[in-house]
PDB file of all heavy atoms in Angstrom:
ATOM      1  N   THR A   1     -27.019 -13.400  -9.163  1.00  0.00           N
ATOM      2  CA  THR A   1     -27.074 -13.205 -10.609  1.00  0.00           C
ATOM      3  C   THR A   1     -27.789 -11.883 -10.876  1.00  0.00           C
ATOM      4  O   THR A   1     -28.722 -11.506 -10.163  1.00  0.00           O
ATOM      5  CB  THR A   1     -27.808 -14.348 -11.313  1.00  0.00           C
ATOM      6  OG1 THR A   1     -29.111 -14.497 -10.754  1.00  0.00           O
ATOM      7  CG2 THR A   1     -27.049 -15.650 -11.155  1.00  0.00           C
ATOM      8  N   THR A   2     -27.341 -11.186 -11.907  1.00  0.00           N
ATOM      9  CA  THR A   2     -27.908  -9.879 -12.255  1.00  0.00           C
ATOM     10  C   THR A   2     -28.441  -9.909 -13.680  1.00  0.00           C
ATOM     11  O   THR A   2     -27.956 -10.670 -14.527  1.00  0.00           O
ATOM     12  CB  THR A   2     -26.848  -8.772 -12.125  1.00  0.00           C
ATOM     13  OG1 THR A   2     -25.813  -8.983 -13.101  1.00  0.00           O
ATOM     14  CG2 THR A   2     -26.227  -8.767 -10.729  1.00  0.00           C
ATOM     15  N   THR A   3     -29.421  -9.071 -13.943  1.00  0.00           N
ATOM     16  CA  THR A   3     -30.014  -9.036 -15.279  1.00  0.00           C
ATOM     17  C   THR A   3     -29.233  -8.146 -16.238  1.00  0.00           C
ATOM     18  O   THR A   3     -29.430  -8.233 -17.451  1.00  0.00           O
ATOM     19  CB  THR A   3     -31.467  -8.542 -15.195  1.00  0.00           C
ATOM     20  OG1 THR A   3     -31.511  -7.268 -14.528  1.00  0.00           O
ATOM     21  CG2 THR A   3     -32.329  -9.544 -14.435  1.00  0.00           C
ATOM     22  N   GLU A   4     -28.369  -7.282 -15.707  1.00  0.00           N
ATOM     23  CA  GLU A   4     -27.509  -6.429 -16.518  1.00  0.00           C
ATOM     24  C   GLU A   4     -26.055  -6.675 -16.114  1.00  0.00           C
ATOM     25  O   GLU A   4     -25.789  -7.208 -15.032  1.00  0.00           O
ATOM     26  CB  GLU A   4     -27.863  -4.946 -16.317  1.00  0.00           C
ATOM     27  CG  GLU A   4     -29.296  -4.588 -16.664  1.00  0.00           C
ATOM     28  CD  GLU A   4     -29.577  -4.683 -18.146  1.00  0.00           C
ATOM     29  OE1 GLU A   4     -28.627  -4.512 -18.935  1.00  0.00           O
ATOM     30  OE2 GLU A   4     -30.744  -4.926 -18.519  1.00  0.00           O
ATOM     31  N   PRO A   5     -25.084  -6.306 -16.968  1.00  0.00           N
ATOM     32  CA  PRO A   5     -23.684  -6.519 -16.610  1.00  0.00           C
ATOM     33  C   PRO A   5     -23.328  -5.838 -15.287  1.00  0.00           C
ATOM     34  O   PRO A   5     -23.734  -4.705 -15.031  1.00  0.00           O
ATOM     35  CB  PRO A   5     -22.923  -5.888 -17.785  1.00  0.00           C
ATOM     36  CG  PRO A   5     -23.880  -5.943 -18.929  1.00  0.00           C
ATOM     37  CD  PRO A   5     -25.230  -5.742 -18.337  1.00  0.00           C
ATOM     38  N   LEU A   6     -22.581  -6.543 -14.460  1.00  0.00           N
ATOM     39  CA  LEU A   6     -22.153  -6.030 -13.166  1.00  0.00           C
ATOM     40  C   LEU A   6     -20.768  -5.413 -13.304  1.00  0.00           C
ATOM     41  O   LEU A   6     -19.802  -6.085 -13.663  1.00  0.00           O
ATOM     42  CB  LEU A   6     -22.131  -7.156 -12.136  1.00  0.00           C
ATOM     43  CG  LEU A   6     -21.550  -6.827 -10.766  1.00  0.00           C
ATOM     44  CD1 LEU A   6     -22.303  -5.680 -10.108  1.00  0.00           C
ATOM     45  CD2 LEU A   6     -21.543  -8.070  -9.882  1.00  0.00           C
ATOM     46  N   SER A   7     -20.659  -4.122 -13.009  1.00  0.00           N
ATOM     47  CA  SER A   7     -19.397  -3.404 -13.093  1.00  0.00           C
ATOM     48  C   SER A   7     -18.691  -3.407 -11.745  1.00  0.00           C
ATOM     49  O   SER A   7     -19.304  -3.098 -10.711  1.00  0.00           O
ATOM     50  CB  SER A   7     -19.649  -1.953 -13.536  1.00  0.00           C
ATOM     51  OG  SER A   7     -18.520  -1.140 -13.304  1.00  0.00           O
ATOM     52  N   SER A   8     -17.396  -3.741 -11.745  1.00  0.00           N
ATOM     53  CA  SER A   8     -16.613  -3.634 -10.520  1.00  0.00           C
ATOM     54  C   SER A   8     -16.634  -2.219  -9.972  1.00  0.00           C
ATOM     55  O   SER A   8     -16.686  -1.998  -8.759  1.00  0.00           O
ATOM     56  CB  SER A   8     -15.165  -4.070 -10.774  1.00  0.00           C
ATOM     57  OG  SER A   8     -15.090  -5.418 -11.146  1.00  0.00           O
ATOM     58  N   ARG A   9     -16.610  -1.241 -10.871  1.00  0.00           N
ATOM     59  CA  ARG A   9     -16.615   0.160 -10.429  1.00  0.00           C
ATOM     60  C   ARG A   9     -17.916   0.509  -9.712  1.00  0.00           C
ATOM     61  O   ARG A   9     -17.919   1.318  -8.776  1.00  0.00           O
ATOM     62  CB  ARG A   9     -16.399   1.096 -11.622  1.00  0.00           C
ATOM     63  CG  ARG A   9     -15.008   1.030 -12.200  1.00  0.00           C
ATOM     64  CD  ARG A   9     -14.760   2.192 -13.150  1.00  0.00           C
ATOM     65  NE  ARG A   9     -15.685   2.192 -14.269  1.00  0.00           N
ATOM     66  CZ  ARG A   9     -16.575   3.154 -14.505  1.00  0.00           C
ATOM     67  NH1 ARG A   9     -16.676   4.188 -13.688  1.00  0.00           N
ATOM     68  NH2 ARG A   9     -17.357   3.088 -15.570  1.00  0.00           N
ATOM     69  N   TYR A  10     -19.014  -0.084 -10.133  1.00  0.00           N
ATOM     70  CA  TYR A  10     -20.296   0.160  -9.472  1.00  0.00           C
ATOM     71  C   TYR A  10     -20.233  -0.323  -8.021  1.00  0.00           C
ATOM     72  O   TYR A  10     -20.618   0.391  -7.087  1.00  0.00           O
ATOM     73  CB  TYR A  10     -21.410  -0.549 -10.233  1.00  0.00           C
ATOM     74  CG  TYR A  10     -22.788  -0.384  -9.623  1.00  0.00           C
ATOM     75  CD1 TYR A  10     -23.519   0.784  -9.800  1.00  0.00           C
ATOM     76  CD2 TYR A  10     -23.343  -1.405  -8.848  1.00  0.00           C
ATOM     77  CE1 TYR A  10     -24.776   0.933  -9.241  1.00  0.00           C
ATOM     78  CE2 TYR A  10     -24.603  -1.261  -8.285  1.00  0.00           C
ATOM     79  CZ  TYR A  10     -25.313  -0.090  -8.483  1.00  0.00           C
ATOM     80  OH  TYR A  10     -26.557   0.057  -7.913  1.00  0.00           O
ATOM     81  N   MET A  11     -19.737  -1.523  -7.829  1.00  0.00           N
ATOM     82  CA  MET A  11     -19.617  -2.060  -6.473  1.00  0.00           C
ATOM     83  C   MET A  11     -18.618  -1.270  -5.643  1.00  0.00           C
ATOM     84  O   MET A  11     -18.858  -0.974  -4.464  1.00  0.00           O
ATOM     85  CB  MET A  11     -19.210  -3.528  -6.529  1.00  0.00           C
ATOM     86  CG  MET A  11     -20.309  -4.474  -6.954  1.00  0.00           C
ATOM     87  SD  MET A  11     -19.811  -6.207  -6.761  1.00  0.00           S
ATOM     88  CE  MET A  11     -19.540  -6.300  -4.992  1.00  0.00           C
ATOM     89  N   LEU A  12     -17.474  -0.925  -6.231  1.00  0.00           N
ATOM     90  CA  LEU A  12     -16.452  -0.179  -5.504  1.00  0.00           C
ATOM     91  C   LEU A  12     -16.981   1.168  -5.025  1.00  0.00           C
ATOM     92  O   LEU A  12     -16.725   1.584  -3.885  1.00  0.00           O
ATOM     93  CB  LEU A  12     -15.217   0.027  -6.382  1.00  0.00           C
ATOM     94  CG  LEU A  12     -14.345  -1.194  -6.639  1.00  0.00           C
ATOM     95  CD1 LEU A  12     -13.324  -0.899  -7.726  1.00  0.00           C
ATOM     96  CD2 LEU A  12     -13.651  -1.630  -5.357  1.00  0.00           C
ATOM     97  N   GLY A  13     -17.711   1.852  -5.904  1.00  0.00           N
ATOM     98  CA  GLY A  13     -18.260   3.149  -5.535  1.00  0.00           C
ATOM     99  C   GLY A  13     -19.232   3.039  -4.374  1.00  0.00           C
ATOM    100  O   GLY A  13     -19.180   3.834  -3.423  1.00  0.00           O
ATOM    101  N   ASN A  14     -20.113   2.041  -4.423  1.00  0.00           N
ATOM    102  CA  ASN A  14     -21.085   1.859  -3.348  1.00  0.00           C
ATOM    103  C   ASN A  14     -20.410   1.480  -2.033  1.00  0.00           C
ATOM    104  O   ASN A  14     -20.758   1.989  -0.964  1.00  0.00           O
ATOM    105  CB  ASN A  14     -22.109   0.795  -3.739  1.00  0.00           C
ATOM    106  CG  ASN A  14     -23.063   1.262  -4.817  1.00  0.00           C
ATOM    107  OD1 ASN A  14     -23.271   2.459  -4.989  1.00  0.00           O
ATOM    108  ND2 ASN A  14     -23.633   0.338  -5.566  1.00  0.00           N
ATOM    109  N   LEU A  15     -19.430   0.588  -2.102  1.00  0.00           N
ATOM    110  CA  LEU A  15     -18.729   0.172  -0.890  1.00  0.00           C
ATOM    111  C   LEU A  15     -17.925   1.316  -0.288  1.00  0.00           C
ATOM    112  O   LEU A  15     -17.904   1.512   0.932  1.00  0.00           O
ATOM    113  CB  LEU A  15     -17.814  -1.021  -1.191  1.00  0.00           C
ATOM    114  CG  LEU A  15     -18.505  -2.343  -1.476  1.00  0.00           C
ATOM    115  CD1 LEU A  15     -17.526  -3.352  -2.050  1.00  0.00           C
ATOM    116  CD2 LEU A  15     -19.147  -2.911  -0.200  1.00  0.00           C
ATOM    117  N   GLY A  16     -17.234   2.078  -1.160  1.00  0.00           N
ATOM    118  CA  GLY A  16     -16.416   3.177  -0.670  1.00  0.00           C
ATOM    119  C   GLY A  16     -17.234   4.256   0.020  1.00  0.00           C
ATOM    120  O   GLY A  16     -16.800   4.837   1.025  1.00  0.00           O
ATOM    121  N   ARG A  17     -18.428   4.523  -0.507  1.00  0.00           N
ATOM    122  CA  ARG A  17     -19.274   5.548   0.111  1.00  0.00           C
ATOM    123  C   ARG A  17     -19.840   5.084   1.450  1.00  0.00           C
ATOM    124  O   ARG A  17     -19.956   5.868   2.387  1.00  0.00           O
ATOM    125  CB  ARG A  17     -20.428   5.909  -0.841  1.00  0.00           C
ATOM    126  CG  ARG A  17     -20.018   6.846  -1.973  1.00  0.00           C
ATOM    127  CD  ARG A  17     -21.227   7.308  -2.755  1.00  0.00           C
ATOM    128  NE  ARG A  17     -21.831   6.220  -3.518  1.00  0.00           N
ATOM    129  CZ  ARG A  17     -21.483   5.888  -4.749  1.00  0.00           C
ATOM    130  NH1 ARG A  17     -20.515   6.555  -5.365  1.00  0.00           N
ATOM    131  NH2 ARG A  17     -22.095   4.896  -5.385  1.00  0.00           N
ATOM    132  N   ARG A  18     -20.192   3.817   1.554  1.00  0.00           N
ATOM    133  CA  ARG A  18     -20.835   3.319   2.769  1.00  0.00           C
ATOM    134  C   ARG A  18     -19.836   2.901   3.846  1.00  0.00           C
ATOM    135  O   ARG A  18     -20.153   2.916   5.037  1.00  0.00           O
ATOM    136  CB  ARG A  18     -21.749   2.140   2.430  1.00  0.00           C
ATOM    137  CG  ARG A  18     -22.935   2.523   1.562  1.00  0.00           C
ATOM    138  CD  ARG A  18     -23.784   1.317   1.186  1.00  0.00           C
ATOM    139  NE  ARG A  18     -24.461   0.731   2.324  1.00  0.00           N
ATOM    140  CZ  ARG A  18     -25.603   1.189   2.838  1.00  0.00           C
ATOM    141  NH1 ARG A  18     -26.179   2.265   2.330  1.00  0.00           N
ATOM    142  NH2 ARG A  18     -26.169   0.580   3.874  1.00  0.00           N
ATOM    143  N   TYR A  19     -18.630   2.532   3.432  1.00  0.00           N
ATOM    144  CA  TYR A  19     -17.628   2.050   4.389  1.00  0.00           C
ATOM    145  C   TYR A  19     -16.280   2.736   4.144  1.00  0.00           C
ATOM    146  O   TYR A  19     -15.288   2.082   3.808  1.00  0.00           O
ATOM    147  CB  TYR A  19     -17.479   0.523   4.279  1.00  0.00           C
ATOM    148  CG  TYR A  19     -18.758  -0.198   4.577  1.00  0.00           C
ATOM    149  CD1 TYR A  19     -19.654  -0.518   3.548  1.00  0.00           C
ATOM    150  CD2 TYR A  19     -19.100  -0.536   5.883  1.00  0.00           C
ATOM    151  CE1 TYR A  19     -20.854  -1.164   3.831  1.00  0.00           C
ATOM    152  CE2 TYR A  19     -20.301  -1.188   6.167  1.00  0.00           C
ATOM    153  CZ  TYR A  19     -21.165  -1.494   5.140  1.00  0.00           C
ATOM    154  OH  TYR A  19     -22.362  -2.126   5.411  1.00  0.00           O
ATOM    155  N   PRO A  20     -16.215   4.067   4.315  1.00  0.00           N
ATOM    156  CA  PRO A  20     -14.969   4.798   4.010  1.00  0.00           C
ATOM    157  C   PRO A  20     -13.810   4.392   4.901  1.00  0.00           C
ATOM    158  O   PRO A  20     -12.645   4.554   4.519  1.00  0.00           O
ATOM    159  CB  PRO A  20     -15.362   6.259   4.235  1.00  0.00           C
ATOM    160  CG  PRO A  20     -16.524   6.216   5.172  1.00  0.00           C
ATOM    161  CD  PRO A  20     -17.279   4.968   4.808  1.00  0.00           C
ATOM    162  N   GLY A  21     -14.077   3.854   6.100  1.00  0.00           N
ATOM    163  CA  GLY A  21     -13.010   3.448   6.996  1.00  0.00           C
ATOM    164  C   GLY A  21     -12.460   2.070   6.709  1.00  0.00           C
ATOM    165  O   GLY A  21     -11.472   1.654   7.316  1.00  0.00           O
ATOM    166  N   CYS A  22     -13.074   1.333   5.781  1.00  0.00           N
ATOM    167  CA  CYS A  22     -12.566   0.027   5.364  1.00  0.00           C
ATOM    168  C   CYS A  22     -11.622   0.195   4.174  1.00  0.00           C
ATOM    169  O   CYS A  22     -11.620   1.217   3.498  1.00  0.00           O
ATOM    170  CB  CYS A  22     -13.725  -0.899   4.991  1.00  0.00           C
ATOM    171  SG  CYS A  22     -14.762  -1.392   6.380  1.00  0.00           S
ATOM    172  N   TRP A  23     -10.851  -0.837   3.910  1.00  0.00           N
ATOM    173  CA  TRP A  23      -9.972  -0.844   2.743  1.00  0.00           C
ATOM    174  C   TRP A  23     -10.754  -1.450   1.576  1.00  0.00           C
ATOM    175  O   TRP A  23     -11.060  -2.647   1.565  1.00  0.00           O
ATOM    176  CB  TRP A  23      -8.709  -1.650   3.032  1.00  0.00           C
ATOM    177  CG  TRP A  23      -7.774  -0.942   3.967  1.00  0.00           C
ATOM    178  CD1 TRP A  23      -6.735  -0.130   3.625  1.00  0.00           C
ATOM    179  CD2 TRP A  23      -7.785  -0.988   5.404  1.00  0.00           C
ATOM    180  NE1 TRP A  23      -6.107   0.346   4.755  1.00  0.00           N
ATOM    181  CE2 TRP A  23      -6.728  -0.160   5.861  1.00  0.00           C
ATOM    182  CE3 TRP A  23      -8.587  -1.630   6.355  1.00  0.00           C
ATOM    183  CZ2 TRP A  23      -6.441   0.026   7.214  1.00  0.00           C
ATOM    184  CZ3 TRP A  23      -8.312  -1.440   7.702  1.00  0.00           C
ATOM    185  CH2 TRP A  23      -7.256  -0.617   8.114  1.00  0.00           C
ATOM    186  N   THR A  24     -11.095  -0.611   0.606  1.00  0.00           N
ATOM    187  CA  THR A  24     -11.876  -1.049  -0.541  1.00  0.00           C
ATOM    188  C   THR A  24     -10.921  -1.578  -1.613  1.00  0.00           C
ATOM    189  O   THR A  24      -9.953  -0.907  -1.958  1.00  0.00           O
ATOM    190  CB  THR A  24     -12.707   0.120  -1.098  1.00  0.00           C
ATOM    191  OG1 THR A  24     -13.517   0.645  -0.050  1.00  0.00           O
ATOM    192  CG2 THR A  24     -13.606  -0.345  -2.227  1.00  0.00           C
ATOM    193  N   PHE A  25     -11.202  -2.765  -2.134  1.00  0.00           N
ATOM    194  CA  PHE A  25     -10.239  -3.414  -3.021  1.00  0.00           C
ATOM    195  C   PHE A  25     -10.913  -4.053  -4.221  1.00  0.00           C
ATOM    196  O   PHE A  25     -12.092  -4.402  -4.192  1.00  0.00           O
ATOM    197  CB  PHE A  25      -9.430  -4.478  -2.262  1.00  0.00           C
ATOM    198  CG  PHE A  25     -10.264  -5.603  -1.710  1.00  0.00           C
ATOM    199  CD1 PHE A  25     -10.555  -6.732  -2.473  1.00  0.00           C
ATOM    200  CD2 PHE A  25     -10.755  -5.548  -0.409  1.00  0.00           C
ATOM    201  CE1 PHE A  25     -11.323  -7.769  -1.964  1.00  0.00           C
ATOM    202  CE2 PHE A  25     -11.531  -6.587   0.112  1.00  0.00           C
ATOM    203  CZ  PHE A  25     -11.807  -7.696  -0.664  1.00  0.00           C
ATOM    204  N   ALA A  26     -10.120  -4.193  -5.284  1.00  0.00           N
ATOM    205  CA  ALA A  26     -10.529  -4.946  -6.473  1.00  0.00           C
ATOM    206  C   ALA A  26      -9.277  -5.503  -7.116  1.00  0.00           C
ATOM    207  O   ALA A  26      -8.354  -4.735  -7.462  1.00  0.00           O
ATOM    208  CB  ALA A  26     -11.287  -4.069  -7.462  1.00  0.00           C
ATOM    209  N   VAL A  27      -9.214  -6.820  -7.270  1.00  0.00           N
ATOM    210  CA  VAL A  27      -8.091  -7.483  -7.934  1.00  0.00           C
ATOM    211  C   VAL A  27      -8.633  -8.685  -8.698  1.00  0.00           C
ATOM    212  O   VAL A  27      -9.165  -9.625  -8.084  1.00  0.00           O
ATOM    213  CB  VAL A  27      -7.005  -7.947  -6.937  1.00  0.00           C
ATOM    214  CG1 VAL A  27      -5.855  -8.615  -7.700  1.00  0.00           C
ATOM    215  CG2 VAL A  27      -6.476  -6.796  -6.094  1.00  0.00           C
ATOM    216  N   ASP A  28      -8.537  -8.638  -9.999  1.00  0.00           N
ATOM    217  CA  ASP A  28      -8.875  -9.787 -10.838  1.00  0.00           C
ATOM    218  C   ASP A  28     -10.278 -10.308 -10.548  1.00  0.00           C
ATOM    219  O   ASP A  28     -10.496 -11.514 -10.403  1.00  0.00           O
ATOM    220  CB  ASP A  28      -7.846 -10.891 -10.639  1.00  0.00           C
ATOM    221  CG  ASP A  28      -7.877 -11.921 -11.778  1.00  0.00           C
ATOM    222  OD1 ASP A  28      -8.024 -11.506 -12.938  1.00  0.00           O
ATOM    223  OD2 ASP A  28      -7.758 -13.124 -11.496  1.00  0.00           O
ATOM    224  N   GLY A  29     -11.244  -9.397 -10.461  1.00  0.00           N
ATOM    225  CA  GLY A  29     -12.633  -9.778 -10.280  1.00  0.00           C
ATOM    226  C   GLY A  29     -13.071  -9.964  -8.849  1.00  0.00           C
ATOM    227  O   GLY A  29     -14.274 -10.140  -8.586  1.00  0.00           O
ATOM    228  N   LEU A  30     -12.151  -9.945  -7.877  1.00  0.00           N
ATOM    229  CA  LEU A  30     -12.515 -10.023  -6.464  1.00  0.00           C
ATOM    230  C   LEU A  30     -12.670  -8.599  -5.938  1.00  0.00           C
ATOM    231  O   LEU A  30     -11.714  -7.822  -5.942  1.00  0.00           O
ATOM    232  CB  LEU A  30     -11.446 -10.764  -5.668  1.00  0.00           C
ATOM    233  CG  LEU A  30     -11.800 -11.072  -4.213  1.00  0.00           C
ATOM    234  CD1 LEU A  30     -12.891 -12.135  -4.144  1.00  0.00           C
ATOM    235  CD2 LEU A  30     -10.572 -11.525  -3.430  1.00  0.00           C
ATOM    236  N   VAL A  31     -13.876  -8.257  -5.503  1.00  0.00           N
ATOM    237  CA  VAL A  31     -14.211  -6.880  -5.134  1.00  0.00           C
ATOM    238  C   VAL A  31     -14.798  -6.879  -3.730  1.00  0.00           C
ATOM    239  O   VAL A  31     -15.675  -7.697  -3.412  1.00  0.00           O
ATOM    240  CB  VAL A  31     -15.232  -6.274  -6.121  1.00  0.00           C
ATOM    241  CG1 VAL A  31     -15.534  -4.822  -5.761  1.00  0.00           C
ATOM    242  CG2 VAL A  31     -14.722  -6.380  -7.550  1.00  0.00           C
ATOM    243  N   GLY A  32     -14.333  -5.957  -2.881  1.00  0.00           N
ATOM    244  CA  GLY A  32     -14.884  -5.913  -1.537  1.00  0.00           C
ATOM    245  C   GLY A  32     -14.390  -4.719  -0.742  1.00  0.00           C
ATOM    246  O   GLY A  32     -13.698  -3.831  -1.258  1.00  0.00           O
ATOM    247  N   ALA A  33     -14.758  -4.705   0.532  1.00  0.00           N
ATOM    248  CA  ALA A  33     -14.334  -3.663   1.473  1.00  0.00           C
ATOM    249  C   ALA A  33     -14.031  -4.352   2.792  1.00  0.00           C
ATOM    250  O   ALA A  33     -14.960  -4.758   3.498  1.00  0.00           O
ATOM    251  CB  ALA A  33     -15.399  -2.590   1.635  1.00  0.00           C
ATOM    252  N   THR A  34     -12.766  -4.508   3.116  1.00  0.00           N
ATOM    253  CA  THR A  34     -12.388  -5.241   4.311  1.00  0.00           C
ATOM    254  C   THR A  34     -12.074  -4.307   5.468  1.00  0.00           C
ATOM    255  O   THR A  34     -11.390  -3.293   5.287  1.00  0.00           O
ATOM    256  CB  THR A  34     -11.173  -6.157   4.048  1.00  0.00           C
ATOM    257  OG1 THR A  34     -10.856  -6.871   5.253  1.00  0.00           O
ATOM    258  CG2 THR A  34      -9.953  -5.372   3.581  1.00  0.00           C
ATOM    259  N   PRO A  35     -12.544  -4.618   6.662  1.00  0.00           N
ATOM    260  CA  PRO A  35     -12.193  -3.813   7.824  1.00  0.00           C
ATOM    261  C   PRO A  35     -10.882  -4.250   8.468  1.00  0.00           C
ATOM    262  O   PRO A  35     -10.431  -3.628   9.433  1.00  0.00           O
ATOM    263  CB  PRO A  35     -13.370  -4.064   8.776  1.00  0.00           C
ATOM    264  CG  PRO A  35     -13.783  -5.469   8.462  1.00  0.00           C
ATOM    265  CD  PRO A  35     -13.542  -5.659   6.986  1.00  0.00           C
ATOM    266  N   GLU A  36     -10.269  -5.314   7.955  1.00  0.00           N
ATOM    267  CA  GLU A  36      -9.118  -5.921   8.621  1.00  0.00           C
ATOM    268  C   GLU A  36      -7.843  -5.750   7.803  1.00  0.00           C
ATOM    269  O   GLU A  36      -7.720  -6.272   6.694  1.00  0.00           O
ATOM    270  CB  GLU A  36      -9.377  -7.407   8.884  1.00  0.00           C
ATOM    271  CG  GLU A  36      -8.306  -8.052   9.730  1.00  0.00           C
ATOM    272  CD  GLU A  36      -8.819  -9.233  10.538  1.00  0.00           C
ATOM    273  OE1 GLU A  36      -9.999  -9.583  10.390  1.00  0.00           O
ATOM    274  OE2 GLU A  36      -8.046  -9.801  11.318  1.00  0.00           O
ATOM    275  N   LEU A  37      -6.881  -5.011   8.377  1.00  0.00           N
ATOM    276  CA  LEU A  37      -5.568  -4.835   7.761  1.00  0.00           C
ATOM    277  C   LEU A  37      -4.661  -5.952   8.245  1.00  0.00           C
ATOM    278  O   LEU A  37      -4.260  -5.977   9.416  1.00  0.00           O
ATOM    279  CB  LEU A  37      -4.981  -3.471   8.140  1.00  0.00           C
ATOM    280  CG  LEU A  37      -3.601  -3.151   7.558  1.00  0.00           C
ATOM    281  CD1 LEU A  37      -3.670  -2.995   6.043  1.00  0.00           C
ATOM    282  CD2 LEU A  37      -3.033  -1.884   8.196  1.00  0.00           C
ATOM    283  N   LEU A  38      -4.335  -6.869   7.364  1.00  0.00           N
ATOM    284  CA  LEU A  38      -3.482  -7.987   7.747  1.00  0.00           C
ATOM    285  C   LEU A  38      -2.078  -7.497   8.071  1.00  0.00           C
ATOM    286  O   LEU A  38      -1.515  -7.822   9.115  1.00  0.00           O
ATOM    287  CB  LEU A  38      -3.440  -9.025   6.624  1.00  0.00           C
ATOM    288  CG  LEU A  38      -2.529 -10.228   6.857  1.00  0.00           C
ATOM    289  CD1 LEU A  38      -2.967 -11.013   8.085  1.00  0.00           C
ATOM    290  CD2 LEU A  38      -2.507 -11.130   5.623  1.00  0.00           C
ATOM    291  N   LEU A  39      -1.499  -6.704   7.167  1.00  0.00           N
ATOM    292  CA  LEU A  39      -0.130  -6.240   7.383  1.00  0.00           C
ATOM    293  C   LEU A  39       0.194  -5.064   6.481  1.00  0.00           C
ATOM    294  O   LEU A  39      -0.129  -5.067   5.291  1.00  0.00           O
ATOM    295  CB  LEU A  39       0.855  -7.385   7.107  1.00  0.00           C
ATOM    296  CG  LEU A  39       2.175  -7.373   7.875  1.00  0.00           C
ATOM    297  CD1 LEU A  39       1.949  -7.335   9.384  1.00  0.00           C
ATOM    298  CD2 LEU A  39       2.995  -8.590   7.503  1.00  0.00           C
ATOM    299  N   GLN A  40       0.846  -4.066   7.064  1.00  0.00           N
ATOM    300  CA  GLN A  40       1.376  -2.926   6.312  1.00  0.00           C
ATOM    301  C   GLN A  40       2.859  -2.826   6.608  1.00  0.00           C
ATOM    302  O   GLN A  40       3.284  -2.960   7.761  1.00  0.00           O
ATOM    303  CB  GLN A  40       0.682  -1.636   6.738  1.00  0.00           C
ATOM    304  CG  GLN A  40       1.196  -0.389   6.032  1.00  0.00           C
ATOM    305  CD  GLN A  40       0.570   0.878   6.592  1.00  0.00           C
ATOM    306  OE1 GLN A  40       0.718   1.187   7.772  1.00  0.00           O
ATOM    307  NE2 GLN A  40      -0.166   1.585   5.747  1.00  0.00           N
ATOM    308  N   ARG A  41       3.659  -2.609   5.564  1.00  0.00           N
ATOM    309  CA  ARG A  41       5.098  -2.397   5.750  1.00  0.00           C
ATOM    310  C   ARG A  41       5.499  -1.090   5.093  1.00  0.00           C
ATOM    311  O   ARG A  41       5.174  -0.833   3.936  1.00  0.00           O
ATOM    312  CB  ARG A  41       5.913  -3.534   5.138  1.00  0.00           C
ATOM    313  CG  ARG A  41       7.425  -3.312   5.318  1.00  0.00           C
ATOM    314  CD  ARG A  41       8.242  -4.461   4.744  1.00  0.00           C
ATOM    315  NE  ARG A  41       9.655  -4.292   5.076  1.00  0.00           N
ATOM    316  CZ  ARG A  41      10.630  -4.118   4.184  1.00  0.00           C
ATOM    317  NH1 ARG A  41      10.342  -4.073   2.893  1.00  0.00           N
ATOM    318  NH2 ARG A  41      11.877  -3.977   4.567  1.00  0.00           N
ATOM    319  N   ASN A  42       6.210  -0.264   5.858  1.00  0.00           N
ATOM    320  CA  ASN A  42       6.766   0.997   5.363  1.00  0.00           C
ATOM    321  C   ASN A  42       8.182   1.098   5.899  1.00  0.00           C
ATOM    322  O   ASN A  42       8.398   1.496   7.044  1.00  0.00           O
ATOM    323  CB  ASN A  42       5.923   2.177   5.823  1.00  0.00           C
ATOM    324  CG  ASN A  42       6.395   3.494   5.220  1.00  0.00           C
ATOM    325  OD1 ASN A  42       7.422   3.541   4.545  1.00  0.00           O
ATOM    326  ND2 ASN A  42       5.659   4.557   5.463  1.00  0.00           N
ATOM    327  N   GLY A  43       9.157   0.712   5.075  1.00  0.00           N
ATOM    328  CA  GLY A  43      10.529   0.639   5.553  1.00  0.00           C
ATOM    329  C   GLY A  43      10.657  -0.458   6.598  1.00  0.00           C
ATOM    330  O   GLY A  43      10.288  -1.604   6.367  1.00  0.00           O
TER     331      GLY A  43
END
């Protein structure tokens, strides 16, 4: 719990700077930085 509003952008910025090799994501309030690529498709 936080005493001020928690911004997704605040978390994304911190995660992206500290873990640039991870995939940083935000979808519908779920925010994180995952090191695991489940699947990529290109053609």
